[in-house]
Amino acid sequence: MRVLRDKVRAATARSKTERPVSAVVADLNPVLRGWAAYFRNGNSGRKFNVVDGYVHERLAIFASAKHRLAGRNWTTRFTYGWITRLGVYRLTGNVHRATAHASR
C-alpha cells in the first residue's frame, strides 16, 4: 500500500495548491478504483479503511493549504460529508468475501 500512499501524496502535494480540488479528485479516483478492483478479493477491509482515512486527511490538508487555513482545524471543517460531496471514490465497503459454498 506504500505505492498507493505515494500516489496520493504526490497528487495532494502542497506545491500543487493552484489546482482545483475537483481536478485532484478526478486524478485520484481512477487510481483508487484500480486499487479497489485489484485488492477487493480477500481480507483487505482494514487496509481499505486506513487508505480512506489517509485520502481524507491528505485532501483536507491540501484544501487547508489552498485556502490558507492555519492549524489543524481541518478535522472539523472538512468532514467525511465533504469528501462524499467531492465525489471521492471510497474503498471502504468494496471487499468481496468468498462464499463458503461453491456456486451451483
PDB file of N, CA and C in Angstrom:
ATOM      1  N   MET A   1       0.810  -1.195   0.000  1.00  0.00           N
ATOM      2  CA  MET A   1       0.000   0.000   0.000  1.00  0.00           C
ATOM      3  C   MET A   1       0.860   1.268   0.000  1.00  0.00           C
ATOM      4  N   ARG A   2       2.138   1.104   0.151  1.00  0.00           N
ATOM      5  CA  ARG A   2       3.030   2.266   0.157  1.00  0.00           C
ATOM      6  C   ARG A   2       2.988   3.004  -1.178  1.00  0.00           C
ATOM      7  N   VAL A   3       2.881   2.262  -2.270  1.00  0.00           N
ATOM      8  CA  VAL A   3       2.831   2.883  -3.593  1.00  0.00           C
ATOM      9  C   VAL A   3       1.562   3.733  -3.727  1.00  0.00           C
ATOM     10  N   LEU A   4       0.447   3.221  -3.222  1.00  0.00           N
ATOM     11  CA  LEU A   4      -0.800   3.981  -3.267  1.00  0.00           C
ATOM     12  C   LEU A   4      -0.682   5.253  -2.437  1.00  0.00           C
ATOM     13  N   ARG A   5      -0.105   5.143  -1.257  1.00  0.00           N
ATOM     14  CA  ARG A   5       0.082   6.331  -0.413  1.00  0.00           C
ATOM     15  C   ARG A   5       0.994   7.346  -1.099  1.00  0.00           C
ATOM     16  N   ASP A   6       2.018   6.869  -1.787  1.00  0.00           N
ATOM     17  CA  ASP A   6       2.905   7.782  -2.516  1.00  0.00           C
ATOM     18  C   ASP A   6       2.160   8.505  -3.638  1.00  0.00           C
ATOM     19  N   LYS A   7       1.267   7.800  -4.324  1.00  0.00           N
ATOM     20  CA  LYS A   7       0.494   8.428  -5.392  1.00  0.00           C
ATOM     21  C   LYS A   7      -0.466   9.476  -4.838  1.00  0.00           C
ATOM     22  N   VAL A   8      -1.090   9.165  -3.711  1.00  0.00           N
ATOM     23  CA  VAL A   8      -1.988  10.136  -3.073  1.00  0.00           C
ATOM     24  C   VAL A   8      -1.189  11.345  -2.599  1.00  0.00           C
ATOM     25  N   ARG A   9      -0.034  11.101  -2.012  1.00  0.00           N
ATOM     26  CA  ARG A   9       0.813  12.197  -1.528  1.00  0.00           C
ATOM     27  C   ARG A   9       1.271  13.084  -2.683  1.00  0.00           C
ATOM     28  N   ALA A  10       1.625  12.476  -3.809  1.00  0.00           N
ATOM     29  CA  ALA A  10       2.070  13.257  -4.966  1.00  0.00           C
ATOM     30  C   ALA A  10       0.926  14.093  -5.549  1.00  0.00           C
ATOM     31  N   ALA A  11      -0.280  13.531  -5.576  1.00  0.00           N
ATOM     32  CA  ALA A  11      -1.420  14.263  -6.140  1.00  0.00           C
ATOM     33  C   ALA A  11      -1.862  15.411  -5.245  1.00  0.00           C
ATOM     34  N   THR A  12      -1.642  15.279  -3.930  1.00  0.00           N
ATOM     35  CA  THR A  12      -2.098  16.300  -2.985  1.00  0.00           C
ATOM     36  C   THR A  12      -0.941  17.094  -2.396  1.00  0.00           C
ATOM     37  N   ALA A  13       0.149  17.181  -3.122  1.00  0.00           N
ATOM     38  CA  ALA A  13       1.313  17.920  -2.622  1.00  0.00           C
ATOM     39  C   ALA A  13       0.968  19.392  -2.441  1.00  0.00           C
ATOM     40  N   ARG A  14       1.555  19.993  -1.445  1.00  0.00           N
ATOM     41  CA  ARG A  14       1.274  21.403  -1.160  1.00  0.00           C
ATOM     42  C   ARG A  14       1.782  22.323  -2.253  1.00  0.00           C
ATOM     43  N   SER A  15       2.686  21.837  -3.068  1.00  0.00           N
ATOM     44  CA  SER A  15       3.182  22.658  -4.181  1.00  0.00           C
ATOM     45  C   SER A  15       2.174  22.730  -5.327  1.00  0.00           C
ATOM     46  N   LYS A  16       1.115  21.931  -5.258  1.00  0.00           N
ATOM     47  CA  LYS A  16       0.118  21.896  -6.334  1.00  0.00           C
ATOM     48  C   LYS A  16      -1.205  22.534  -5.923  1.00  0.00           C
ATOM     49  N   THR A  17      -1.174  23.463  -4.971  1.00  0.00           N
ATOM     50  CA  THR A  17      -2.422  24.036  -4.477  1.00  0.00           C
ATOM     51  C   THR A  17      -3.097  24.965  -5.473  1.00  0.00           C
ATOM     52  N   GLU A  18      -2.443  25.270  -6.592  1.00  0.00           N
ATOM     53  CA  GLU A  18      -3.103  26.112  -7.593  1.00  0.00           C
ATOM     54  C   GLU A  18      -4.178  25.333  -8.347  1.00  0.00           C
ATOM     55  N   ARG A  19      -4.119  24.012  -8.280  1.00  0.00           N
ATOM     56  CA  ARG A  19      -5.121  23.175  -8.947  1.00  0.00           C
ATOM     57  C   ARG A  19      -6.400  23.133  -8.118  1.00  0.00           C
ATOM     58  N   PRO A  20      -7.555  23.096  -8.765  1.00  0.00           N
ATOM     59  CA  PRO A  20      -8.795  22.952  -8.004  1.00  0.00           C
ATOM     60  C   PRO A  20      -8.879  21.565  -7.364  1.00  0.00           C
ATOM     61  N   VAL A  21      -9.590  21.489  -6.253  1.00  0.00           N
ATOM     62  CA  VAL A  21      -9.726  20.217  -5.544  1.00  0.00           C
ATOM     63  C   VAL A  21     -10.443  19.200  -6.431  1.00  0.00           C
ATOM     64  N   SER A  22     -11.384  19.654  -7.242  1.00  0.00           N
ATOM     65  CA  SER A  22     -12.103  18.729  -8.129  1.00  0.00           C
ATOM     66  C   SER A  22     -11.161  18.077  -9.144  1.00  0.00           C
ATOM     67  N   ALA A  23     -10.142  18.799  -9.588  1.00  0.00           N
ATOM     68  CA  ALA A  23      -9.166  18.219 -10.519  1.00  0.00           C
ATOM     69  C   ALA A  23      -8.304  17.175  -9.820  1.00  0.00           C
ATOM     70  N   VAL A  24      -7.967  17.427  -8.565  1.00  0.00           N
ATOM     71  CA  VAL A  24      -7.186  16.455  -7.790  1.00  0.00           C
ATOM     72  C   VAL A  24      -8.012  15.189  -7.581  1.00  0.00           C
ATOM     73  N   VAL A  25      -9.293  15.360  -7.265  1.00  0.00           N
ATOM     74  CA  VAL A  25     -10.180  14.207  -7.081  1.00  0.00           C
ATOM     75  C   VAL A  25     -10.317  13.434  -8.391  1.00  0.00           C
ATOM     76  N   ALA A  26     -10.409  14.139  -9.509  1.00  0.00           N
ATOM     77  CA  ALA A  26     -10.502  13.469 -10.811  1.00  0.00           C
ATOM     78  C   ALA A  26      -9.245  12.662 -11.113  1.00  0.00           C
ATOM     79  N   ASP A  27      -8.091  13.109 -10.626  1.00  0.00           N
ATOM     80  CA  ASP A  27      -6.848  12.346 -10.802  1.00  0.00           C
ATOM     81  C   ASP A  27      -6.771  11.156  -9.850  1.00  0.00           C
ATOM     82  N   LEU A  28      -7.300  11.314  -8.646  1.00  0.00           N
ATOM     83  CA  LEU A  28      -7.202  10.254  -7.636  1.00  0.00           C
ATOM     84  C   LEU A  28      -8.199   9.118  -7.859  1.00  0.00           C
ATOM     85  N   ASN A  29      -9.399   9.430  -8.326  1.00  0.00           N
ATOM     86  CA  ASN A  29     -10.440   8.408  -8.428  1.00  0.00           C
ATOM     87  C   ASN A  29     -10.050   7.203  -9.282  1.00  0.00           C
ATOM     88  N   PRO A  30      -9.455   7.354 -10.468  1.00  0.00           N
ATOM     89  CA  PRO A  30      -9.058   6.153 -11.223  1.00  0.00           C
ATOM     90  C   PRO A  30      -8.021   5.301 -10.491  1.00  0.00           C
ATOM     91  N   VAL A  31      -7.127   5.950  -9.767  1.00  0.00           N
ATOM     92  CA  VAL A  31      -6.111   5.210  -9.004  1.00  0.00           C
ATOM     93  C   VAL A  31      -6.786   4.418  -7.890  1.00  0.00           C
ATOM     94  N   LEU A  32      -7.710   5.056  -7.175  1.00  0.00           N
ATOM     95  CA  LEU A  32      -8.403   4.376  -6.078  1.00  0.00           C
ATOM     96  C   LEU A  32      -9.279   3.241  -6.599  1.00  0.00           C
ATOM     97  N   ARG A  33      -9.954   3.462  -7.715  1.00  0.00           N
ATOM     98  CA  ARG A  33     -10.777   2.398  -8.303  1.00  0.00           C
ATOM     99  C   ARG A  33      -9.931   1.199  -8.719  1.00  0.00           C
ATOM    100  N   GLY A  34      -8.785   1.465  -9.298  1.00  0.00           N
ATOM    101  CA  GLY A  34      -7.901   0.383  -9.717  1.00  0.00           C
ATOM    102  C   GLY A  34      -7.404  -0.440  -8.545  1.00  0.00           C
ATOM    103  N   TRP A  35      -7.010   0.242  -7.478  1.00  0.00           N
ATOM    104  CA  TRP A  35      -6.546  -0.481  -6.298  1.00  0.00           C
ATOM    105  C   TRP A  35      -7.678  -1.268  -5.656  1.00  0.00           C
ATOM    106  N   ALA A  36      -8.879  -0.695  -5.639  1.00  0.00           N
ATOM    107  CA  ALA A  36     -10.020  -1.413  -5.071  1.00  0.00           C
ATOM    108  C   ALA A  36     -10.339  -2.653  -5.894  1.00  0.00           C
ATOM    109  N   ALA A  37     -10.284  -2.541  -7.207  1.00  0.00           N
ATOM    110  CA  ALA A  37     -10.581  -3.692  -8.063  1.00  0.00           C
ATOM    111  C   ALA A  37      -9.549  -4.800  -7.883  1.00  0.00           C
ATOM    112  N   TYR A  38      -8.296  -4.424  -7.703  1.00  0.00           N
ATOM    113  CA  TYR A  38      -7.239  -5.422  -7.580  1.00  0.00           C
ATOM    114  C   TYR A  38      -7.263  -6.110  -6.214  1.00  0.00           C
ATOM    115  N   PHE A  39      -7.488  -5.337  -5.151  1.00  0.00           N
ATOM    116  CA  PHE A  39      -7.380  -5.889  -3.803  1.00  0.00           C
ATOM    117  C   PHE A  39      -8.723  -6.221  -3.164  1.00  0.00           C
ATOM    118  N   ARG A  40      -9.835  -6.111  -3.881  1.00  0.00           N
ATOM    119  CA  ARG A  40     -11.128  -6.298  -3.230  1.00  0.00           C
ATOM    120  C   ARG A  40     -11.384  -7.738  -2.814  1.00  0.00           C
ATOM    121  N   ASN A  41     -10.788  -8.699  -3.494  1.00  0.00           N
ATOM    122  CA  ASN A  41     -10.958 -10.098  -3.114  1.00  0.00           C
ATOM    123  C   ASN A  41      -9.947 -10.435  -2.036  1.00  0.00           C
ATOM    124  N   GLY A  42     -10.451 -10.814  -0.894  1.00  0.00           N
ATOM    125  CA  GLY A  42      -9.540 -11.167   0.180  1.00  0.00           C
ATOM    126  C   GLY A  42      -9.846 -10.404   1.448  1.00  0.00           C
ATOM    127  N   ASN A  43      -8.851 -10.333   2.285  1.00  0.00           N
ATOM    128  CA  ASN A  43      -9.010  -9.757   3.609  1.00  0.00           C
ATOM    129  C   ASN A  43      -8.368  -8.368   3.637  1.00  0.00           C
ATOM    130  N   SER A  44      -8.951  -7.423   2.932  1.00  0.00           N
ATOM    131  CA  SER A  44      -8.341  -6.102   2.823  1.00  0.00           C
ATOM    132  C   SER A  44      -9.202  -4.987   3.405  1.00  0.00           C
ATOM    133  N   GLY A  45     -10.233  -5.322   4.144  1.00  0.00           N
ATOM    134  CA  GLY A  45     -11.151  -4.321   4.681  1.00  0.00           C
ATOM    135  C   GLY A  45     -10.489  -3.316   5.598  1.00  0.00           C
ATOM    136  N   ARG A  46      -9.634  -3.774   6.487  1.00  0.00           N
ATOM    137  CA  ARG A  46      -8.963  -2.854   7.420  1.00  0.00           C
ATOM    138  C   ARG A  46      -8.001  -1.933   6.686  1.00  0.00           C
ATOM    139  N   LYS A  47      -7.295  -2.461   5.721  1.00  0.00           N
ATOM    140  CA  LYS A  47      -6.377  -1.626   4.935  1.00  0.00           C
ATOM    141  C   LYS A  47      -7.148  -0.586   4.125  1.00  0.00           C
ATOM    142  N   PHE A  48      -8.316  -0.966   3.605  1.00  0.00           N
ATOM    143  CA  PHE A  48      -9.136  -0.004   2.875  1.00  0.00           C
ATOM    144  C   PHE A  48      -9.575   1.134   3.790  1.00  0.00           C
ATOM    145  N   ASN A  49      -9.924   0.819   5.033  1.00  0.00           N
ATOM    146  CA  ASN A  49     -10.286   1.867   5.990  1.00  0.00           C
ATOM    147  C   ASN A  49      -9.118   2.811   6.234  1.00  0.00           C
ATOM    148  N   VAL A  50      -7.919   2.250   6.357  1.00  0.00           N
ATOM    149  CA  VAL A  50      -6.726   3.069   6.587  1.00  0.00           C
ATOM    150  C   VAL A  50      -6.466   3.976   5.387  1.00  0.00           C
ATOM    151  N   VAL A  51      -6.599   3.434   4.187  1.00  0.00           N
ATOM    152  CA  VAL A  51      -6.364   4.233   2.979  1.00  0.00           C
ATOM    153  C   VAL A  51      -7.415   5.334   2.861  1.00  0.00           C
ATOM    154  N   ASP A  52      -8.680   5.024   3.161  1.00  0.00           N
ATOM    155  CA  ASP A  52      -9.722   6.055   3.125  1.00  0.00           C
ATOM    156  C   ASP A  52      -9.407   7.193   4.089  1.00  0.00           C
ATOM    157  N   GLY A  53      -8.968   6.848   5.288  1.00  0.00           N
ATOM    158  CA  GLY A  53      -8.590   7.879   6.253  1.00  0.00           C
ATOM    159  C   GLY A  53      -7.424   8.713   5.766  1.00  0.00           C
ATOM    160  N   TYR A  54      -6.469   8.065   5.128  1.00  0.00           N
ATOM    161  CA  TYR A  54      -5.298   8.783   4.618  1.00  0.00           C
ATOM    162  C   TYR A  54      -5.692   9.729   3.486  1.00  0.00           C
ATOM    163  N   VAL A  55      -6.555   9.274   2.579  1.00  0.00           N
ATOM    164  CA  VAL A  55      -7.014  10.128   1.476  1.00  0.00           C
ATOM    165  C   VAL A  55      -7.780  11.324   2.034  1.00  0.00           C
ATOM    166  N   HIS A  56      -8.635  11.080   3.032  1.00  0.00           N
ATOM    167  CA  HIS A  56      -9.387  12.168   3.660  1.00  0.00           C
ATOM    168  C   HIS A  56      -8.447  13.188   4.282  1.00  0.00           C
ATOM    169  N   GLU A  57      -7.452  12.714   5.013  1.00  0.00           N
ATOM    170  CA  GLU A  57      -6.502  13.615   5.665  1.00  0.00           C
ATOM    171  C   GLU A  57      -5.710  14.426   4.640  1.00  0.00           C
ATOM    172  N   ARG A  58      -5.213  13.772   3.609  1.00  0.00           N
ATOM    173  CA  ARG A  58      -4.408  14.478   2.606  1.00  0.00           C
ATOM    174  C   ARG A  58      -5.240  15.512   1.838  1.00  0.00           C
ATOM    175  N   LEU A  59      -6.477  15.173   1.484  1.00  0.00           N
ATOM    176  CA  LEU A  59      -7.317  16.137   0.774  1.00  0.00           C
ATOM    177  C   LEU A  59      -7.691  17.310   1.672  1.00  0.00           C
ATOM    178  N   ALA A  60      -7.941  17.045   2.948  1.00  0.00           N
ATOM    179  CA  ALA A  60      -8.279  18.125   3.871  1.00  0.00           C
ATOM    180  C   ALA A  60      -7.087  19.050   4.088  1.00  0.00           C
ATOM    181  N   ILE A  61      -5.906  18.493   4.227  1.00  0.00           N
ATOM    182  CA  ILE A  61      -4.702  19.320   4.381  1.00  0.00           C
ATOM    183  C   ILE A  61      -4.440  20.100   3.096  1.00  0.00           C
ATOM    184  N   PHE A  62      -4.664  19.467   1.953  1.00  0.00           N
ATOM    185  CA  PHE A  62      -4.499  20.148   0.669  1.00  0.00           C
ATOM    186  C   PHE A  62      -5.455  21.342   0.573  1.00  0.00           C
ATOM    187  N   ALA A  63      -6.729  21.129   0.932  1.00  0.00           N
ATOM    188  CA  ALA A  63      -7.707  22.220   0.870  1.00  0.00           C
ATOM    189  C   ALA A  63      -7.378  23.311   1.883  1.00  0.00           C
ATOM    190  N   SER A  64      -6.876  22.930   3.055  1.00  0.00           N
ATOM    191  CA  SER A  64      -6.470  23.926   4.055  1.00  0.00           C
ATOM    192  C   SER A  64      -5.332  24.785   3.532  1.00  0.00           C
ATOM    193  N   ALA A  65      -4.366  24.160   2.895  1.00  0.00           N
ATOM    194  CA  ALA A  65      -3.241  24.916   2.341  1.00  0.00           C
ATOM    195  C   ALA A  65      -3.705  25.789   1.180  1.00  0.00           C
ATOM    196  N   LYS A  66      -4.627  25.265   0.391  1.00  0.00           N
ATOM    197  CA  LYS A  66      -5.135  26.018  -0.755  1.00  0.00           C
ATOM    198  C   LYS A  66      -5.845  27.286  -0.302  1.00  0.00           C
ATOM    199  N   HIS A  67      -6.615  27.192   0.776  1.00  0.00           N
ATOM    200  CA  HIS A  67      -7.386  28.336   1.269  1.00  0.00           C
ATOM    201  C   HIS A  67      -6.692  29.059   2.419  1.00  0.00           C
ATOM    202  N   ARG A  68      -5.435  28.699   2.666  1.00  0.00           N
ATOM    203  CA  ARG A  68      -4.592  29.338   3.683  1.00  0.00           C
ATOM    204  C   ARG A  68      -5.235  29.332   5.072  1.00  0.00           C
ATOM    205  N   LEU A  69      -5.710  28.162   5.472  1.00  0.00           N
ATOM    206  CA  LEU A  69      -6.271  27.995   6.804  1.00  0.00           C
ATOM    207  C   LEU A  69      -5.174  27.476   7.722  1.00  0.00           C
ATOM    208  N   ALA A  70      -4.989  28.125   8.840  1.00  0.00           N
ATOM    209  CA  ALA A  70      -3.912  27.751   9.753  1.00  0.00           C
ATOM    210  C   ALA A  70      -4.389  26.695  10.745  1.00  0.00           C
ATOM    211  N   GLY A  71      -3.458  25.918  11.242  1.00  0.00           N
ATOM    212  CA  GLY A  71      -3.743  24.951  12.295  1.00  0.00           C
ATOM    213  C   GLY A  71      -4.371  23.676  11.784  1.00  0.00           C
ATOM    214  N   ARG A  72      -4.820  22.874  12.734  1.00  0.00           N
ATOM    215  CA  ARG A  72      -5.422  21.585  12.401  1.00  0.00           C
ATOM    216  C   ARG A  72      -6.940  21.657  12.472  1.00  0.00           C
ATOM    217  N   ASN A  73      -7.517  22.782  12.132  1.00  0.00           N
ATOM    218  CA  ASN A  73      -8.972  22.893  12.164  1.00  0.00           C
ATOM    219  C   ASN A  73      -9.636  22.165  11.004  1.00  0.00           C
ATOM    220  N   TRP A  74      -8.857  21.521  10.156  1.00  0.00           N
ATOM    221  CA  TRP A  74      -9.424  20.788   9.029  1.00  0.00           C
ATOM    222  C   TRP A  74     -10.268  19.616   9.494  1.00  0.00           C
ATOM    223  N   THR A  75     -10.039  19.117  10.724  1.00  0.00           N
ATOM    224  CA  THR A  75     -10.792  17.954  11.196  1.00  0.00           C
ATOM    225  C   THR A  75     -12.267  18.280  11.378  1.00  0.00           C
ATOM    226  N   THR A  76     -12.582  19.527  11.726  1.00  0.00           N
ATOM    227  CA  THR A  76     -13.987  19.906  11.884  1.00  0.00           C
ATOM    228  C   THR A  76     -14.554  20.533  10.622  1.00  0.00           C
ATOM    229  N   ARG A  77     -13.715  21.132   9.814  1.00  0.00           N
ATOM    230  CA  ARG A  77     -14.187  21.822   8.616  1.00  0.00           C
ATOM    231  C   ARG A  77     -14.388  20.858   7.450  1.00  0.00           C
ATOM    232  N   PHE A  78     -13.470  19.928   7.265  1.00  0.00           N
ATOM    233  CA  PHE A  78     -13.512  19.017   6.117  1.00  0.00           C
ATOM    234  C   PHE A  78     -13.846  17.612   6.608  1.00  0.00           C
ATOM    235  N   THR A  79     -15.128  17.339   6.758  1.00  0.00           N
ATOM    236  CA  THR A  79     -15.596  16.070   7.296  1.00  0.00           C
ATOM    237  C   THR A  79     -15.745  15.044   6.170  1.00  0.00           C
ATOM    238  N   TYR A  80     -16.172  13.840   6.546  1.00  0.00           N
ATOM    239  CA  TYR A  80     -16.414  12.814   5.529  1.00  0.00           C
ATOM    240  C   TYR A  80     -17.570  13.201   4.613  1.00  0.00           C
ATOM    241  N   GLY A  81     -18.496  14.028   5.100  1.00  0.00           N
ATOM    242  CA  GLY A  81     -19.555  14.539   4.232  1.00  0.00           C
ATOM    243  C   GLY A  81     -18.989  15.394   3.111  1.00  0.00           C
ATOM    244  N   TRP A  82     -17.970  16.174   3.434  1.00  0.00           N
ATOM    245  CA  TRP A  82     -17.292  16.997   2.431  1.00  0.00           C
ATOM    246  C   TRP A  82     -16.632  16.106   1.384  1.00  0.00           C
ATOM    247  N   ILE A  83     -15.992  15.038   1.844  1.00  0.00           N
ATOM    248  CA  ILE A  83     -15.345  14.089   0.935  1.00  0.00           C
ATOM    249  C   ILE A  83     -16.385  13.447   0.012  1.00  0.00           C
ATOM    250  N   THR A  84     -17.535  13.097   0.566  1.00  0.00           N
ATOM    251  CA  THR A  84     -18.597  12.483  -0.231  1.00  0.00           C
ATOM    252  C   THR A  84     -19.116  13.460  -1.280  1.00  0.00           C
ATOM    253  N   ARG A  85     -19.306  14.713  -0.896  1.00  0.00           N
ATOM    254  CA  ARG A  85     -19.789  15.717  -1.854  1.00  0.00           C
ATOM    255  C   ARG A  85     -18.780  15.966  -2.973  1.00  0.00           C
ATOM    256  N   LEU A  86     -17.497  15.800  -2.679  1.00  0.00           N
ATOM    257  CA  LEU A  86     -16.482  15.955  -3.722  1.00  0.00           C
ATOM    258  C   LEU A  86     -16.530  14.820  -4.737  1.00  0.00           C
ATOM    259  N   GLY A  87     -17.064  13.675  -4.320  1.00  0.00           N
ATOM    260  CA  GLY A  87     -17.138  12.528  -5.217  1.00  0.00           C
ATOM    261  C   GLY A  87     -15.911  11.637  -5.165  1.00  0.00           C
ATOM    262  N   VAL A  88     -15.214  11.646  -4.034  1.00  0.00           N
ATOM    263  CA  VAL A  88     -14.031  10.796  -3.883  1.00  0.00           C
ATOM    264  C   VAL A  88     -14.482   9.343  -3.784  1.00  0.00           C
ATOM    265  N   TYR A  89     -13.836   8.477  -4.532  1.00  0.00           N
ATOM    266  CA  TYR A  89     -14.154   7.050  -4.504  1.00  0.00           C
ATOM    267  C   TYR A  89     -13.705   6.472  -3.172  1.00  0.00           C
ATOM    268  N   ARG A  90     -14.627   5.857  -2.446  1.00  0.00           N
ATOM    269  CA  ARG A  90     -14.315   5.288  -1.138  1.00  0.00           C
ATOM    270  C   ARG A  90     -13.993   3.806  -1.285  1.00  0.00           C
ATOM    271  N   LEU A  91     -12.915   3.382  -0.676  1.00  0.00           N
ATOM    272  CA  LEU A  91     -12.531   1.976  -0.720  1.00  0.00           C
ATOM    273  C   LEU A  91     -13.309   1.153   0.298  1.00  0.00           C
ATOM    274  N   THR A  92     -13.728   1.775   1.383  1.00  0.00           N
ATOM    275  CA  THR A  92     -14.450   1.076   2.429  1.00  0.00           C
ATOM    276  C   THR A  92     -15.751   0.511   1.868  1.00  0.00           C
ATOM    277  N   GLY A  93     -16.014  -0.745   2.177  1.00  0.00           N
ATOM    278  CA  GLY A  93     -17.233  -1.390   1.711  1.00  0.00           C
ATOM    279  C   GLY A  93     -17.098  -2.060   0.360  1.00  0.00           C
ATOM    280  N   ASN A  94     -15.909  -2.121  -0.193  1.00  0.00           N
ATOM    281  CA  ASN A  94     -15.706  -2.726  -1.506  1.00  0.00           C
ATOM    282  C   ASN A  94     -15.034  -4.093  -1.439  1.00  0.00           C
ATOM    283  N   VAL A  95     -15.009  -4.706  -0.284  1.00  0.00           N
ATOM    284  CA  VAL A  95     -14.374  -6.015  -0.146  1.00  0.00           C
ATOM    285  C   VAL A  95     -15.394  -7.091  -0.497  1.00  0.00           C
ATOM    286  N   HIS A  96     -15.008  -8.004  -1.365  1.00  0.00           N
ATOM    287  CA  HIS A  96     -15.859  -9.128  -1.740  1.00  0.00           C
ATOM    288  C   HIS A  96     -15.336 -10.367  -1.032  1.00  0.00           C
ATOM    289  N   ARG A  97     -16.141 -10.903  -0.176  1.00  0.00           N
ATOM    290  CA  ARG A  97     -15.738 -12.099   0.553  1.00  0.00           C
ATOM    291  C   ARG A  97     -16.183 -13.336  -0.226  1.00  0.00           C
ATOM    292  N   ALA A  98     -15.322 -14.312  -0.269  1.00  0.00           N
ATOM    293  CA  ALA A  98     -15.654 -15.567  -0.945  1.00  0.00           C
ATOM    294  C   ALA A  98     -16.700 -16.311  -0.127  1.00  0.00           C
ATOM    295  N   THR A  99     -17.635 -16.937  -0.806  1.00  0.00           N
ATOM    296  CA  THR A  99     -18.655 -17.701  -0.110  1.00  0.00           C
ATOM    297  C   THR A  99     -18.086 -19.042   0.322  1.00  0.00           C
ATOM    298  N   ALA A 100     -18.711 -19.638   1.312  1.00  0.00           N
ATOM    299  CA  ALA A 100     -18.232 -20.909   1.843  1.00  0.00           C
ATOM    300  C   ALA A 100     -18.609 -22.079   0.940  1.00  0.00           C
ATOM    301  N   HIS A 101     -19.614 -21.881   0.108  1.00  0.00           N
ATOM    302  CA  HIS A 101     -20.089 -22.967  -0.743  1.00  0.00           C
ATOM    303  C   HIS A 101     -19.822 -22.631  -2.202  1.00  0.00           C
ATOM    304  N   ALA A 102     -19.599 -23.661  -2.962  1.00  0.00           N
ATOM    305  CA  ALA A 102     -19.369 -23.469  -4.395  1.00  0.00           C
ATOM    306  C   ALA A 102     -20.671 -23.062  -5.081  1.00  0.00           C
ATOM    307  N   SER A 103     -20.551 -22.318  -6.143  1.00  0.00           N
ATOM    308  CA  SER A 103     -21.738 -21.906  -6.903  1.00  0.00           C
ATOM    309  C   SER A 103     -22.333 -23.113  -7.607  1.00  0.00           C
ATOM    310  N   ARG A 104     -23.637 -23.120  -7.722  1.00  0.00           N
ATOM    311  CA  ARG A 104     -24.298 -24.248  -8.389  1.00  0.00           C
ATOM    312  C   ARG A 104     -24.862 -23.827  -9.690  1.00  0.00           C
TER     313      ARG A 104
END
